[in-house]
């Protein structure tokens, strides 16, 4: 009998991963000129970019953590759980470093690396037994 709690955690992790993907796509909207010097956006595309930034911060931490919780009890996914936990920790560490845009870039690279690990695991052939 499947564990309903694990299934619910998996569904939550998938929703967070989807939100992270949407946030990364929305981040492609241009920033406004005032945003370049730390000001508020003037037009809608700047607001969309700003909201995307906040979504990336939230889901960048929560999606890997939810994934780690969802797959931790499956032996074949355990390495992915560890990578997910490490990805969440590294994401936070990079965000806290005082290197400006370089810190954020490293945080985003960490997210993309984590997504690549999850995709590689999903594409891996499963052992039938």
N, C-alpha and C. Protein backbone atom coordinates (compact mmCIF):
# COMPACT_ATOMS: atom_id res chain seq x y z
N UNK A 1 0.85 -1.18 0.00
CA UNK A 1 0.00 0.00 0.00
C UNK A 1 0.89 1.24 0.00
N UNK A 2 0.63 2.18 -0.92
CA UNK A 2 1.46 3.39 -0.98
C UNK A 2 1.24 4.29 0.23
N UNK A 3 2.29 5.00 0.57
CA UNK A 3 2.23 5.94 1.68
C UNK A 3 1.66 7.26 1.16
N UNK A 4 0.47 7.61 1.60
CA UNK A 4 -0.21 8.82 1.12
C UNK A 4 0.54 10.08 1.50
N UNK A 5 1.20 10.08 2.65
CA UNK A 5 1.96 11.26 3.04
C UNK A 5 3.12 11.49 2.09
N UNK A 6 3.81 10.42 1.69
CA UNK A 6 4.93 10.57 0.76
C UNK A 6 4.42 11.05 -0.60
N UNK A 7 3.26 10.55 -1.02
CA UNK A 7 2.68 10.99 -2.29
C UNK A 7 2.33 12.48 -2.22
N UNK A 8 1.79 12.92 -1.10
CA UNK A 8 1.47 14.34 -0.93
C UNK A 8 2.71 15.20 -0.94
N UNK A 9 3.78 14.74 -0.30
CA UNK A 9 5.04 15.50 -0.32
C UNK A 9 5.59 15.57 -1.74
N UNK A 10 5.44 14.47 -2.48
CA UNK A 10 5.91 14.47 -3.87
C UNK A 10 5.13 15.44 -4.72
N UNK A 11 3.83 15.49 -4.54
CA UNK A 11 3.00 16.43 -5.29
C UNK A 11 3.36 17.87 -4.96
N UNK A 12 3.61 18.14 -3.69
CA UNK A 12 4.00 19.48 -3.26
C UNK A 12 5.34 19.86 -3.88
N UNK A 13 6.27 18.91 -3.93
CA UNK A 13 7.58 19.17 -4.53
C UNK A 13 7.44 19.47 -6.02
N UNK A 14 6.57 18.75 -6.71
CA UNK A 14 6.36 18.98 -8.14
C UNK A 14 5.75 20.37 -8.37
N UNK A 15 4.80 20.77 -7.53
CA UNK A 15 4.19 22.10 -7.66
C UNK A 15 5.24 23.18 -7.44
N UNK A 16 6.09 23.01 -6.44
CA UNK A 16 7.14 24.00 -6.19
C UNK A 16 8.14 24.06 -7.34
N UNK A 17 8.48 22.90 -7.89
CA UNK A 17 9.40 22.88 -9.03
C UNK A 17 8.77 23.58 -10.23
N UNK A 18 7.48 23.38 -10.46
CA UNK A 18 6.78 24.06 -11.55
C UNK A 18 6.76 25.57 -11.32
N UNK A 19 6.51 26.00 -10.08
CA UNK A 19 6.54 27.43 -9.77
C UNK A 19 7.93 28.02 -9.98
N UNK A 20 8.95 27.25 -9.64
CA UNK A 20 10.32 27.71 -9.89
C UNK A 20 10.55 27.90 -11.38
N UNK A 21 10.06 26.96 -12.19
CA UNK A 21 10.20 27.09 -13.63
C UNK A 21 9.48 28.32 -14.17
N UNK A 22 8.27 28.57 -13.68
CA UNK A 22 7.52 29.76 -14.10
C UNK A 22 8.27 31.03 -13.68
N UNK A 23 8.79 31.03 -12.47
CA UNK A 23 9.54 32.21 -11.99
C UNK A 23 10.78 32.46 -12.85
N UNK A 24 11.47 31.39 -13.22
CA UNK A 24 12.66 31.56 -14.07
C UNK A 24 12.29 32.12 -15.44
N UNK A 25 11.14 31.68 -15.97
CA UNK A 25 10.70 32.23 -17.26
C UNK A 25 10.29 33.69 -17.12
N UNK A 26 9.58 34.03 -16.05
CA UNK A 26 9.15 35.42 -15.85
C UNK A 26 10.34 36.36 -15.62
N UNK A 27 11.43 35.83 -15.11
CA UNK A 27 12.62 36.65 -14.88
C UNK A 27 13.21 37.17 -16.20
N UNK A 28 12.77 36.60 -17.31
CA UNK A 28 13.25 37.06 -18.62
C UNK A 28 12.69 38.41 -19.03
N UNK A 29 11.66 38.90 -18.33
CA UNK A 29 11.14 40.23 -18.63
C UNK A 29 12.19 41.28 -18.26
N UNK A 30 12.24 42.33 -19.05
CA UNK A 30 13.24 43.38 -18.84
C UNK A 30 13.05 44.10 -17.51
N UNK A 31 14.16 44.56 -16.96
CA UNK A 31 14.09 45.43 -15.79
C UNK A 31 13.92 46.86 -16.30
N UNK A 32 13.36 47.70 -15.44
CA UNK A 32 13.22 49.12 -15.77
C UNK A 32 14.52 49.83 -15.42
N UNK A 33 14.72 50.99 -16.03
CA UNK A 33 15.92 51.78 -15.75
C UNK A 33 16.04 52.12 -14.26
N UNK A 34 14.96 52.54 -13.55
CA UNK A 34 15.12 52.84 -12.13
C UNK A 34 15.56 51.62 -11.31
N UNK A 35 15.21 50.42 -11.77
CA UNK A 35 15.59 49.21 -11.03
C UNK A 35 17.10 48.98 -11.06
N UNK A 36 17.77 49.50 -12.08
CA UNK A 36 19.21 49.32 -12.20
C UNK A 36 19.98 50.01 -11.09
N UNK A 37 19.37 51.04 -10.51
CA UNK A 37 20.03 51.75 -9.40
C UNK A 37 19.32 51.50 -8.07
N UNK A 38 18.51 50.44 -8.01
CA UNK A 38 17.87 50.07 -6.75
C UNK A 38 16.49 50.65 -6.55
N UNK A 39 15.95 51.31 -7.55
CA UNK A 39 14.63 51.92 -7.41
C UNK A 39 13.51 50.95 -7.77
N UNK A 40 12.27 51.44 -7.62
CA UNK A 40 11.10 50.65 -7.96
C UNK A 40 10.84 50.70 -9.46
N UNK A 41 10.24 49.66 -10.02
CA UNK A 41 9.94 49.68 -11.45
C UNK A 41 8.86 50.69 -11.79
N UNK A 42 8.92 51.20 -13.02
CA UNK A 42 7.92 52.16 -13.50
C UNK A 42 6.83 51.52 -14.34
N UNK A 43 7.15 50.46 -15.04
CA UNK A 43 6.18 49.84 -15.95
C UNK A 43 6.01 48.36 -15.61
N UNK A 44 5.01 47.75 -16.24
CA UNK A 44 4.57 46.41 -15.86
C UNK A 44 5.67 45.36 -15.97
N UNK A 45 6.52 45.45 -17.01
CA UNK A 45 7.52 44.41 -17.17
C UNK A 45 8.55 44.43 -16.04
N UNK A 46 8.82 45.59 -15.49
CA UNK A 46 9.70 45.66 -14.33
C UNK A 46 9.08 45.01 -13.11
N UNK A 47 7.77 45.21 -12.94
CA UNK A 47 7.08 44.58 -11.81
C UNK A 47 7.08 43.06 -11.96
N UNK A 48 6.87 42.59 -13.18
CA UNK A 48 6.90 41.14 -13.42
C UNK A 48 8.28 40.58 -13.09
N UNK A 49 9.31 41.27 -13.50
CA UNK A 49 10.68 40.84 -13.20
C UNK A 49 10.93 40.82 -11.68
N UNK A 50 10.45 41.84 -11.00
CA UNK A 50 10.63 41.89 -9.54
C UNK A 50 9.89 40.78 -8.83
N UNK A 51 8.67 40.49 -9.26
CA UNK A 51 7.90 39.39 -8.66
C UNK A 51 8.59 38.06 -8.95
N UNK A 52 9.12 37.91 -10.16
CA UNK A 52 9.85 36.69 -10.51
C UNK A 52 11.05 36.49 -9.58
N UNK A 53 11.74 37.57 -9.28
CA UNK A 53 12.89 37.50 -8.37
C UNK A 53 12.46 36.94 -7.01
N UNK A 54 11.36 37.46 -6.48
CA UNK A 54 10.88 36.99 -5.18
C UNK A 54 10.45 35.52 -5.24
N UNK A 55 9.81 35.13 -6.33
CA UNK A 55 9.42 33.72 -6.50
C UNK A 55 10.65 32.81 -6.60
N UNK A 56 11.68 33.27 -7.29
CA UNK A 56 12.90 32.47 -7.40
C UNK A 56 13.53 32.27 -6.03
N UNK A 57 13.54 33.31 -5.22
CA UNK A 57 14.12 33.19 -3.88
C UNK A 57 13.33 32.17 -3.06
N UNK A 58 12.01 32.30 -3.06
CA UNK A 58 11.19 31.40 -2.24
C UNK A 58 11.23 29.97 -2.74
N UNK A 59 10.99 29.78 -4.02
CA UNK A 59 10.94 28.41 -4.54
C UNK A 59 12.33 27.80 -4.70
N UNK A 60 13.34 28.65 -4.81
CA UNK A 60 14.72 28.14 -4.89
C UNK A 60 15.16 27.46 -3.61
N UNK A 61 14.58 27.85 -2.51
CA UNK A 61 14.86 27.19 -1.23
C UNK A 61 13.87 26.05 -0.99
N UNK A 62 12.60 26.31 -1.24
CA UNK A 62 11.57 25.34 -0.88
C UNK A 62 11.49 24.12 -1.81
N UNK A 63 11.70 24.31 -3.11
CA UNK A 63 11.57 23.18 -4.04
C UNK A 63 12.61 22.09 -3.77
N UNK A 64 13.89 22.42 -3.61
CA UNK A 64 14.85 21.35 -3.29
C UNK A 64 14.58 20.70 -1.93
N UNK A 65 14.17 21.49 -0.94
CA UNK A 65 13.87 20.91 0.37
C UNK A 65 12.67 19.97 0.30
N UNK A 66 11.62 20.38 -0.42
CA UNK A 66 10.44 19.53 -0.56
C UNK A 66 10.78 18.26 -1.32
N UNK A 67 11.64 18.38 -2.32
CA UNK A 67 12.06 17.20 -3.08
C UNK A 67 12.86 16.26 -2.19
N UNK A 68 13.77 16.79 -1.40
CA UNK A 68 14.55 15.95 -0.49
C UNK A 68 13.64 15.20 0.47
N UNK A 69 12.63 15.89 1.01
CA UNK A 69 11.69 15.23 1.93
C UNK A 69 10.86 14.18 1.21
N UNK A 70 10.47 14.45 -0.02
CA UNK A 70 9.59 13.54 -0.75
C UNK A 70 10.28 12.25 -1.15
N UNK A 71 11.57 12.30 -1.45
CA UNK A 71 12.24 11.12 -1.99
C UNK A 71 13.20 10.45 -1.02
N UNK A 72 13.32 10.96 0.18
CA UNK A 72 14.33 10.45 1.11
C UNK A 72 14.13 8.99 1.50
N UNK A 73 12.92 8.48 1.47
CA UNK A 73 12.69 7.10 1.90
C UNK A 73 12.84 6.09 0.76
N UNK A 74 13.04 6.54 -0.46
CA UNK A 74 13.24 5.65 -1.60
C UNK A 74 14.74 5.48 -1.83
N UNK A 75 15.23 4.25 -1.68
CA UNK A 75 16.67 4.00 -1.77
C UNK A 75 17.26 4.44 -3.10
N UNK A 76 16.53 4.27 -4.19
CA UNK A 76 17.07 4.64 -5.50
C UNK A 76 17.12 6.16 -5.69
N UNK A 77 16.35 6.89 -4.92
CA UNK A 77 16.34 8.35 -5.00
C UNK A 77 17.16 9.01 -3.89
N UNK A 78 17.70 8.23 -2.98
CA UNK A 78 18.40 8.82 -1.83
C UNK A 78 19.53 9.76 -2.25
N UNK A 79 20.35 9.42 -3.26
CA UNK A 79 21.38 10.39 -3.67
C UNK A 79 20.78 11.71 -4.15
N UNK A 80 19.64 11.64 -4.81
CA UNK A 80 18.98 12.87 -5.26
C UNK A 80 18.49 13.68 -4.07
N UNK A 81 18.05 12.99 -3.02
CA UNK A 81 17.63 13.69 -1.81
C UNK A 81 18.80 14.45 -1.20
N UNK A 82 19.97 13.82 -1.18
CA UNK A 82 21.15 14.49 -0.62
C UNK A 82 21.57 15.68 -1.48
N UNK A 83 21.52 15.51 -2.79
CA UNK A 83 21.86 16.61 -3.70
C UNK A 83 20.86 17.75 -3.54
N UNK A 84 19.59 17.41 -3.36
CA UNK A 84 18.55 18.43 -3.17
C UNK A 84 18.80 19.22 -1.90
N UNK A 85 19.12 18.53 -0.83
CA UNK A 85 19.42 19.22 0.43
C UNK A 85 20.64 20.12 0.27
N UNK A 86 21.69 19.59 -0.36
CA UNK A 86 22.89 20.39 -0.58
C UNK A 86 22.59 21.59 -1.48
N UNK A 87 21.75 21.39 -2.49
CA UNK A 87 21.39 22.50 -3.39
C UNK A 87 20.68 23.62 -2.65
N UNK A 88 19.76 23.25 -1.75
CA UNK A 88 19.04 24.28 -0.98
C UNK A 88 20.01 25.04 -0.08
N UNK A 89 20.92 24.32 0.56
CA UNK A 89 21.88 24.98 1.45
C UNK A 89 22.80 25.90 0.65
N UNK A 90 23.32 25.41 -0.47
CA UNK A 90 24.21 26.25 -1.29
C UNK A 90 23.48 27.47 -1.84
N UNK A 91 22.22 27.29 -2.22
CA UNK A 91 21.44 28.42 -2.72
C UNK A 91 21.37 29.52 -1.67
N UNK A 92 21.07 29.15 -0.44
CA UNK A 92 20.99 30.15 0.65
C UNK A 92 22.36 30.77 0.91
N UNK A 93 23.40 29.95 0.93
CA UNK A 93 24.75 30.47 1.18
C UNK A 93 25.13 31.50 0.12
N UNK A 94 24.88 31.16 -1.15
CA UNK A 94 25.24 32.10 -2.22
C UNK A 94 24.42 33.39 -2.11
N UNK A 95 23.17 33.29 -1.70
CA UNK A 95 22.37 34.50 -1.55
C UNK A 95 22.87 35.40 -0.43
N UNK A 96 23.47 34.80 0.58
CA UNK A 96 23.95 35.58 1.73
C UNK A 96 25.34 36.17 1.51
N UNK A 97 26.07 35.69 0.53
CA UNK A 97 27.41 36.22 0.28
C UNK A 97 27.32 37.65 -0.25
N UNK A 98 28.24 38.50 0.14
CA UNK A 98 28.17 39.92 -0.25
C UNK A 98 28.84 40.23 -1.59
N UNK A 99 28.63 39.41 -2.59
CA UNK A 99 29.29 39.60 -3.87
C UNK A 99 28.37 40.20 -4.92
N UNK A 100 27.23 40.71 -4.52
CA UNK A 100 26.31 41.37 -5.46
C UNK A 100 25.73 40.41 -6.48
N UNK A 101 25.79 40.82 -7.75
CA UNK A 101 25.21 40.01 -8.81
C UNK A 101 25.92 38.66 -8.98
N UNK A 102 27.20 38.60 -8.67
CA UNK A 102 27.94 37.33 -8.79
C UNK A 102 27.37 36.30 -7.82
N UNK A 103 26.99 36.72 -6.63
CA UNK A 103 26.39 35.80 -5.66
C UNK A 103 25.07 35.26 -6.18
N UNK A 104 24.24 36.15 -6.71
CA UNK A 104 22.95 35.71 -7.22
C UNK A 104 23.13 34.80 -8.43
N UNK A 105 24.08 35.11 -9.28
CA UNK A 105 24.35 34.26 -10.44
C UNK A 105 24.76 32.86 -9.99
N UNK A 106 25.60 32.76 -8.98
CA UNK A 106 26.01 31.44 -8.47
C UNK A 106 24.82 30.71 -7.85
N UNK A 107 23.92 31.44 -7.20
CA UNK A 107 22.72 30.82 -6.65
C UNK A 107 21.85 30.25 -7.76
N UNK A 108 21.69 30.98 -8.84
CA UNK A 108 20.88 30.52 -9.97
C UNK A 108 21.56 29.33 -10.66
N UNK A 109 22.88 29.38 -10.80
CA UNK A 109 23.61 28.24 -11.37
C UNK A 109 23.41 27.00 -10.50
N UNK A 110 23.39 27.18 -9.20
CA UNK A 110 23.13 26.07 -8.28
C UNK A 110 21.75 25.48 -8.55
N UNK A 111 20.75 26.34 -8.73
CA UNK A 111 19.40 25.86 -9.03
C UNK A 111 19.36 25.08 -10.33
N UNK A 112 20.01 25.60 -11.37
CA UNK A 112 20.02 24.89 -12.65
C UNK A 112 20.73 23.55 -12.53
N UNK A 113 21.80 23.50 -11.76
CA UNK A 113 22.51 22.23 -11.56
C UNK A 113 21.60 21.24 -10.83
N UNK A 114 20.88 21.72 -9.82
CA UNK A 114 19.96 20.84 -9.10
C UNK A 114 18.85 20.32 -10.02
N UNK A 115 18.30 21.20 -10.85
CA UNK A 115 17.27 20.79 -11.80
C UNK A 115 17.83 19.74 -12.75
N UNK A 116 19.07 19.92 -13.21
CA UNK A 116 19.69 18.95 -14.11
C UNK A 116 19.84 17.59 -13.44
N UNK A 117 20.17 17.58 -12.15
CA UNK A 117 20.29 16.31 -11.42
C UNK A 117 18.94 15.62 -11.34
N UNK A 118 17.89 16.36 -11.04
CA UNK A 118 16.55 15.78 -10.95
C UNK A 118 16.11 15.24 -12.31
N UNK A 119 16.36 15.99 -13.36
CA UNK A 119 15.98 15.54 -14.70
C UNK A 119 16.76 14.29 -15.08
N UNK A 120 18.06 14.26 -14.78
CA UNK A 120 18.87 13.08 -15.09
C UNK A 120 18.34 11.87 -14.34
N UNK A 121 17.93 12.04 -13.10
CA UNK A 121 17.39 10.92 -12.32
C UNK A 121 16.05 10.47 -12.90
N UNK A 122 15.23 11.39 -13.33
CA UNK A 122 13.94 11.03 -13.93
C UNK A 122 14.12 10.29 -15.26
N UNK A 123 15.18 10.62 -15.98
CA UNK A 123 15.43 9.97 -17.27
C UNK A 123 16.19 8.66 -17.14
N UNK A 124 16.72 8.38 -15.96
CA UNK A 124 17.51 7.14 -15.77
C UNK A 124 16.60 5.93 -15.89
N UNK A 125 17.12 4.86 -16.51
CA UNK A 125 16.32 3.64 -16.60
C UNK A 125 16.08 3.06 -15.22
N UNK A 126 14.89 2.57 -15.00
CA UNK A 126 14.54 2.01 -13.71
C UNK A 126 14.78 0.52 -13.71
N UNK A 127 15.31 0.02 -12.61
CA UNK A 127 15.54 -1.42 -12.47
C UNK A 127 14.22 -2.09 -12.14
N UNK A 128 13.80 -2.99 -12.99
CA UNK A 128 12.56 -3.73 -12.75
C UNK A 128 12.88 -4.96 -11.93
N UNK A 129 12.13 -5.16 -10.90
CA UNK A 129 12.47 -6.31 -10.08
C UNK A 129 11.34 -6.98 -9.55
